[in-house]
Amino acid sequence: MSSLKDIKNRIKSVRNIQQITKAMKMVAAAKLRNAQNNLMKMRPYAKGIHDVIAHVAARTDADEHPLLARRTRKRAQIIVLTSDRGLCGGFNNNVIKRAHRYVDGKDLSEQEKIAHGEHEHIELSLVGKKGIDYFGRREISIRNEYRDVLTNPNLVNASNIGSNIVADFIDENLDAIYVVYNEFKSPIQQDVVMEQILPVVPSLTDVASEVDFKYEPSKAVILDTLLPAYVNVEVFRAILESLAGEMGARMTAMDSATRNAGDLISSLSLKYNRARQAAITTELMEITSGSEALK
C-alpha cells in the first residue's frame, strides 16, 4: 500500500499538471478565435478564385497554359499538413493515416482508386514537424519539407510552397498535386480531406457551354496571373484550415486532460483520506493495546 507521503506527492504532481493543461486550454482558445476569424475571411475569397479558375478551365484548351495541362497522372505529389507540436489529440495522426493509406492504395473511394491506378510514382511534401518525423522514418519518397508554417501562417510561406508546386508541374516533374489536411468544422470537429490542386478540375456546368468570357487585356495574361495565385490561395486556405483545426483540437484535448486530472485528484484524495483514517485507527489500537498491557 502506498504511504501517505507518496499519495500526497502524487496529488501535488497531478494538480501541477492540471494547472498546465488548464493554461494550455486557455491559450489554445485565444489562438482559436484569431485563427477562426482569419479563416472565415479567407474562405469566400478562396471559393471565389476557385470558381473563376474552374469556369475558365472549362472554356480553355489544355494546351493554352501549362498549369491547365491534363496529363496522365503518373507522377503525383501529396502535400501533407500537420502541426509542429503535439498535445492536440488525433489531429496529426488522422492526417498522417489518410496520406499513408493513399500511398499504400488502401481504403480508397472509387474515384481515388481510378486516380491511384494511374500513378507510377507518389512522393510527399511535408508541412509540419509531426509529419516530417513520422514519414522520415519510413521508406517513402519525400520531395520537400517545410517547418514552422502553421506556427507563422502567412501568404509568403504559402507562396513558397505554391511556387515549388507550380515549377514542378510546369517542368513536368509532376502530373498531379494533392493536399491532405484537417478541414475546420468546429472546435470539436475537424474532417480530414484530400483535394486535388493541379491539374485544375473544370466546372462541370460549363464543360458543354459554348459561351466564353471576354478577356482584358488577354486570356494569356489573365491565366498567367490567376493560375499561380489560385495555387497560392489554395495552399494558404489549407494552412488556415489546419491552424484553426489544430487550435480547436488542442483546446478540446487540454479540456479533457484538465477534467481527467480533476477526477484523478478526487480519487487520490479519497485514497489519501482512507489511508490516513486507517493509520489513525491503527495508532489508536496500538495505544489501547499498550494501555491494557500496563494494567
Protein backbone atom coordinates (compact mmCIF):
# COMPACT_ATOMS: atom_id res chain seq x y z
CA MET A 1 0.00 0.00 0.00
CA SER A 2 1.25 3.50 -0.87
CA SER A 3 2.35 5.65 2.04
CA LEU A 4 0.57 8.88 2.90
CA LYS A 5 3.59 10.86 1.69
CA ASP A 6 3.57 9.09 -1.69
CA ILE A 7 -0.14 9.77 -2.20
CA LYS A 8 0.27 13.41 -1.15
CA ASN A 9 3.17 13.89 -3.57
CA ARG A 10 1.15 12.32 -6.35
CA ILE A 11 -1.80 14.63 -5.69
CA LYS A 12 0.58 17.61 -5.83
CA SER A 13 2.07 16.37 -9.11
CA VAL A 14 -1.34 15.86 -10.75
CA ARG A 15 -2.52 19.28 -9.54
CA ASN A 16 0.52 20.91 -11.17
CA ILE A 17 -0.23 19.09 -14.42
CA GLN A 18 -3.86 20.23 -14.18
CA GLN A 19 -2.74 23.86 -13.91
CA ILE A 20 -0.58 23.44 -17.02
CA THR A 21 -3.33 21.81 -19.11
CA LYS A 22 -5.81 24.47 -17.98
CA ALA A 23 -3.41 27.22 -19.07
CA MET A 24 -2.79 25.48 -22.40
CA LYS A 25 -6.54 25.24 -22.96
CA MET A 26 -6.93 28.99 -22.39
CA VAL A 27 -4.04 29.79 -24.75
CA ALA A 28 -5.45 27.48 -27.44
CA ALA A 29 -8.90 29.07 -27.06
CA ALA A 30 -7.44 32.56 -27.58
CA LYS A 31 -5.45 31.43 -30.63
CA LEU A 32 -8.50 29.59 -31.99
CA ARG A 33 -10.56 32.80 -32.04
CA ASN A 34 -7.88 34.57 -34.06
CA ALA A 35 -7.35 31.61 -36.41
CA GLN A 36 -11.10 31.19 -36.93
CA ASN A 37 -11.54 34.87 -37.78
CA ASN A 38 -8.74 34.70 -40.36
CA LEU A 39 -10.22 31.53 -41.85
CA MET A 40 -13.72 32.99 -42.15
CA LYS A 41 -12.28 35.97 -44.03
CA MET A 42 -10.23 33.72 -46.33
CA ARG A 43 -12.88 31.16 -47.30
CA PRO A 44 -15.06 33.43 -49.52
CA TYR A 45 -12.02 34.71 -51.41
CA ALA A 46 -10.65 31.19 -51.89
CA LYS A 47 -14.02 29.92 -53.11
CA GLY A 48 -14.36 32.86 -55.48
CA ILE A 49 -10.98 32.38 -57.17
CA HIS A 50 -11.54 28.61 -57.30
CA ASP A 51 -14.88 29.07 -59.08
CA VAL A 52 -13.38 31.55 -61.56
CA ILE A 53 -10.50 29.20 -62.39
CA ALA A 54 -12.86 26.23 -62.74
CA HIS A 55 -15.06 28.21 -65.17
CA VAL A 56 -12.07 29.42 -67.17
CA ALA A 57 -10.60 25.90 -67.31
CA ALA A 58 -13.84 24.60 -68.78
CA ARG A 59 -13.59 27.15 -71.61
CA THR A 60 -9.85 26.79 -72.23
CA ASP A 61 -7.91 24.19 -74.16
CA ALA A 62 -5.36 22.28 -72.10
CA ASP A 63 -2.50 23.49 -74.29
CA GLU A 64 -3.27 27.20 -73.74
CA HIS A 65 -1.45 27.25 -70.40
CA PRO A 66 0.95 24.76 -68.74
CA LEU A 67 -0.99 24.75 -65.46
CA LEU A 68 -4.13 23.61 -67.28
CA ALA A 69 -2.42 20.59 -68.87
CA ARG A 70 -4.34 17.41 -68.11
CA ARG A 71 -1.78 14.64 -68.39
CA THR A 72 -1.87 11.05 -67.23
CA ARG A 73 -1.24 11.26 -63.51
CA LYS A 74 1.90 9.13 -63.48
CA ARG A 75 3.89 11.26 -61.04
CA ALA A 76 1.84 12.51 -58.11
CA GLN A 77 2.70 14.55 -55.06
CA ILE A 78 0.75 14.77 -51.81
CA ILE A 79 1.21 17.81 -49.58
CA VAL A 80 0.63 16.63 -46.00
CA LEU A 81 -0.26 19.36 -43.49
CA THR A 82 0.50 18.57 -39.84
CA SER A 83 1.42 20.69 -36.83
CA ASP A 84 4.84 21.36 -35.32
CA ARG A 85 3.60 20.50 -31.82
CA GLY A 86 1.65 17.68 -30.25
CA LEU A 87 -0.88 17.57 -27.41
CA CYS A 88 -3.79 18.01 -29.82
CA GLY A 89 -5.49 14.61 -29.73
CA GLY A 90 -5.72 12.73 -33.01
CA PHE A 91 -5.24 15.86 -35.15
CA ASN A 92 -1.90 14.83 -36.66
CA ASN A 93 -2.44 11.09 -36.57
CA ASN A 94 -5.63 11.33 -38.66
CA VAL A 95 -3.90 13.29 -41.45
CA ILE A 96 -0.86 11.01 -41.44
CA LYS A 97 -3.03 7.89 -41.65
CA ARG A 98 -5.04 9.37 -44.53
CA ALA A 99 -1.93 10.17 -46.55
CA HIS A 100 -0.35 6.80 -45.77
CA ARG A 101 -3.49 4.95 -46.87
CA TYR A 102 -3.44 6.73 -50.22
CA VAL A 103 0.23 5.96 -50.77
CA ASP A 104 -0.46 2.29 -49.98
CA GLY A 105 -3.66 2.29 -52.06
CA LYS A 106 -5.85 1.10 -49.17
CA ASP A 107 -9.45 2.02 -48.27
CA LEU A 108 -9.88 4.39 -51.22
CA SER A 109 -13.08 5.66 -52.82
CA GLU A 110 -13.87 4.61 -56.38
CA GLN A 111 -12.67 7.96 -57.75
CA GLU A 112 -9.45 7.71 -55.75
CA LYS A 113 -8.86 4.16 -56.99
CA ILE A 114 -9.01 5.41 -60.58
CA ALA A 115 -6.51 8.19 -59.86
CA HIS A 116 -4.26 5.89 -57.84
CA GLY A 117 -4.23 3.37 -60.68
CA GLU A 118 -2.58 5.96 -62.94
CA HIS A 119 0.25 6.68 -60.51
CA GLU A 120 3.64 5.15 -61.19
CA HIS A 121 5.35 7.26 -58.54
CA ILE A 122 3.97 9.01 -55.43
CA GLU A 123 6.02 11.43 -53.35
CA LEU A 124 5.25 13.61 -50.36
CA SER A 125 5.87 17.24 -49.44
CA LEU A 126 5.62 17.56 -45.68
CA VAL A 127 4.42 20.67 -43.88
CA GLY A 128 4.90 20.46 -40.12
CA LYS A 129 7.33 18.70 -37.79
CA LYS A 130 4.97 15.85 -36.86
CA GLY A 131 4.60 14.69 -40.45
CA ILE A 132 8.34 15.10 -41.08
CA ASP A 133 9.18 12.98 -38.03
CA TYR A 134 6.72 10.24 -38.99
CA PHE A 135 7.42 9.85 -42.70
CA GLY A 136 11.15 10.50 -42.27
CA ARG A 137 11.43 7.08 -40.61
CA ARG A 138 9.70 5.28 -43.45
CA GLU A 139 10.66 4.29 -46.97
CA ILE A 140 8.52 6.89 -48.73
CA SER A 141 9.84 9.41 -51.26
CA ILE A 142 9.92 12.91 -49.75
CA ARG A 143 10.43 15.90 -52.05
CA ASN A 144 10.18 18.93 -49.74
CA GLU A 145 9.98 19.63 -46.03
CA TYR A 146 8.52 22.83 -44.56
CA ARG A 147 8.75 23.73 -40.87
CA ASP A 148 7.17 26.49 -38.78
CA VAL A 149 4.47 27.12 -41.40
CA LEU A 150 1.50 26.70 -39.04
CA THR A 151 3.47 28.46 -36.30
CA ASN A 152 3.75 31.52 -38.54
CA PRO A 153 0.95 31.28 -41.12
CA ASN A 154 1.17 33.90 -43.86
CA LEU A 155 0.85 34.22 -47.61
CA VAL A 156 4.64 34.37 -48.03
CA ASN A 157 5.08 30.85 -46.63
CA ALA A 158 2.13 29.62 -48.69
CA SER A 159 3.61 31.23 -51.82
CA ASN A 160 6.93 29.45 -51.24
CA ILE A 161 5.12 26.12 -51.24
CA GLY A 162 2.93 27.18 -54.17
CA SER A 163 5.87 28.31 -56.30
CA ASN A 164 7.54 24.91 -55.88
CA ILE A 165 4.30 23.20 -56.91
CA VAL A 166 3.89 25.41 -59.98
CA ALA A 167 7.52 24.96 -61.06
CA ASP A 168 7.37 21.16 -60.74
CA PHE A 169 4.09 20.95 -62.65
CA ILE A 170 5.24 23.25 -65.48
CA ASP A 171 8.55 21.36 -65.79
CA GLU A 172 6.51 18.12 -65.95
CA ASN A 173 8.26 16.70 -62.91
CA LEU A 174 4.77 16.14 -61.53
CA ASP A 175 1.46 15.35 -63.21
CA ALA A 176 -0.88 15.78 -60.23
CA ILE A 177 -0.69 17.53 -56.86
CA TYR A 178 -2.96 16.80 -53.90
CA VAL A 179 -3.19 18.27 -50.42
CA VAL A 180 -4.27 16.40 -47.26
CA TYR A 181 -5.30 18.48 -44.26
CA ASN A 182 -7.82 18.89 -41.44
CA GLU A 183 -10.78 20.98 -42.58
CA PHE A 184 -12.11 23.03 -39.68
CA LYS A 185 -15.76 22.45 -38.84
CA SER A 186 -15.92 23.38 -35.16
CA PRO A 187 -13.62 23.32 -32.13
CA ILE A 188 -14.61 19.69 -31.53
CA GLN A 189 -14.74 18.54 -35.17
CA GLN A 190 -12.11 18.55 -37.91
CA ASP A 191 -12.63 16.47 -41.06
CA VAL A 192 -9.62 15.08 -42.89
CA VAL A 193 -9.93 15.88 -46.61
CA MET A 194 -7.80 15.21 -49.66
CA GLU A 195 -8.15 17.67 -52.54
CA GLN A 196 -6.56 17.97 -55.95
CA ILE A 197 -4.83 21.29 -56.56
CA LEU A 198 -3.38 20.59 -60.01
CA PRO A 199 -4.41 19.99 -62.67
CA VAL A 200 -7.39 22.30 -62.29
CA VAL A 201 -10.70 20.45 -62.43
CA PRO A 202 -13.05 22.25 -64.90
CA SER A 203 -16.52 23.28 -63.79
CA LEU A 204 -18.91 20.54 -64.91
CA THR A 205 -21.69 23.07 -65.51
CA ASP A 206 -19.55 24.88 -68.09
CA VAL A 207 -17.96 21.96 -69.93
CA ALA A 208 -20.66 21.82 -72.59
CA SER A 209 -21.14 25.59 -72.75
CA GLU A 210 -20.19 27.42 -75.92
CA VAL A 211 -20.29 30.83 -74.21
CA ASP A 212 -16.90 32.24 -73.33
CA PHE A 213 -15.71 35.25 -71.35
CA LYS A 214 -14.27 38.43 -72.78
CA TYR A 215 -10.69 38.75 -71.58
CA GLU A 216 -8.86 42.03 -70.98
CA PRO A 217 -6.02 42.55 -71.72
CA SER A 218 -5.80 38.93 -72.97
CA LYS A 219 -6.55 35.39 -71.87
CA ALA A 220 -2.83 34.54 -71.67
CA VAL A 221 -2.06 37.46 -69.34
CA ILE A 222 -5.03 36.68 -67.11
CA LEU A 223 -4.14 32.99 -66.89
CA ASP A 224 -0.51 33.82 -66.10
CA THR A 225 -1.72 35.95 -63.19
CA LEU A 226 -4.68 33.95 -61.91
CA LEU A 227 -3.39 30.38 -62.03
CA PRO A 228 -0.32 30.82 -59.78
CA ALA A 229 -2.43 32.98 -57.47
CA TYR A 230 -5.05 30.21 -57.34
CA VAL A 231 -2.41 27.68 -56.25
CA ASN A 232 -1.08 30.01 -53.55
CA VAL A 233 -4.57 30.75 -52.25
CA GLU A 234 -5.50 27.06 -52.12
CA VAL A 235 -2.35 26.27 -50.13
CA PHE A 236 -2.91 29.25 -47.82
CA ARG A 237 -6.53 28.27 -47.18
CA ALA A 238 -5.46 24.71 -46.32
CA ILE A 239 -2.89 26.16 -43.89
CA LEU A 240 -5.53 28.34 -42.20
CA GLU A 241 -7.94 25.39 -42.04
CA SER A 242 -5.23 23.28 -40.40
CA LEU A 243 -4.27 26.01 -37.95
CA ALA A 244 -7.85 26.53 -36.77
CA GLY A 245 -8.31 22.76 -36.57
CA GLU A 246 -5.10 22.38 -34.54
CA MET A 247 -6.13 25.03 -32.01
CA GLY A 248 -9.61 23.51 -31.71
CA ALA A 249 -8.19 20.01 -31.26
CA ARG A 250 -5.66 21.22 -28.67
CA MET A 251 -8.30 23.16 -26.75
CA THR A 252 -10.54 20.08 -26.66
CA ALA A 253 -7.68 17.77 -25.68
CA MET A 254 -6.50 20.05 -22.89
CA ASP A 255 -10.05 20.47 -21.59
CA SER A 256 -10.38 16.69 -21.44
CA ALA A 257 -6.97 16.38 -19.75
CA THR A 258 -7.93 19.03 -17.17
CA ARG A 259 -11.16 17.22 -16.32
CA ASN A 260 -9.38 13.86 -16.13
CA ALA A 261 -6.80 15.38 -13.78
CA GLY A 262 -9.62 16.65 -11.57
CA ASP A 263 -11.15 13.17 -11.43
CA LEU A 264 -7.76 11.67 -10.57
CA ILE A 265 -7.21 14.24 -7.80
CA SER A 266 -10.61 13.36 -6.31
CA SER A 267 -9.78 9.65 -6.44
CA LEU A 268 -6.34 10.17 -4.88
CA SER A 269 -7.80 12.46 -2.19
CA LEU A 270 -10.30 9.75 -1.25
CA LYS A 271 -7.48 7.21 -1.15
CA TYR A 272 -5.39 9.56 0.99
CA ASN A 273 -8.22 10.13 3.49
CA ARG A 274 -8.88 6.40 3.78
CA ALA A 275 -5.17 5.67 4.30
CA ARG A 276 -4.95 8.47 6.88
CA GLN A 277 -8.02 7.15 8.68
CA ALA A 278 -6.57 3.66 8.69
CA ALA A 279 -3.28 4.97 10.06
CA ILE A 280 -5.09 6.84 12.87
CA THR A 281 -7.16 3.76 13.70
CA THR A 282 -4.01 1.64 13.84
CA GLU A 283 -2.32 4.13 16.16
CA LEU A 284 -5.36 4.20 18.49
CA MET A 285 -5.43 0.40 18.61
CA GLU A 286 -1.72 0.33 19.46
CA ILE A 287 -2.20 2.89 22.22
CA THR A 288 -5.18 0.96 23.63
CA SER A 289 -3.29 -2.33 23.48
CA GLY A 290 -0.31 -0.78 25.24
CA SER A 291 -2.51 0.69 27.94
CA GLU A 292 -4.16 -2.66 28.54
CA ALA A 293 -0.80 -4.38 28.74
CA LEU A 294 0.35 -1.99 31.51
CA LYS A 295 -2.60 -2.81 33.72
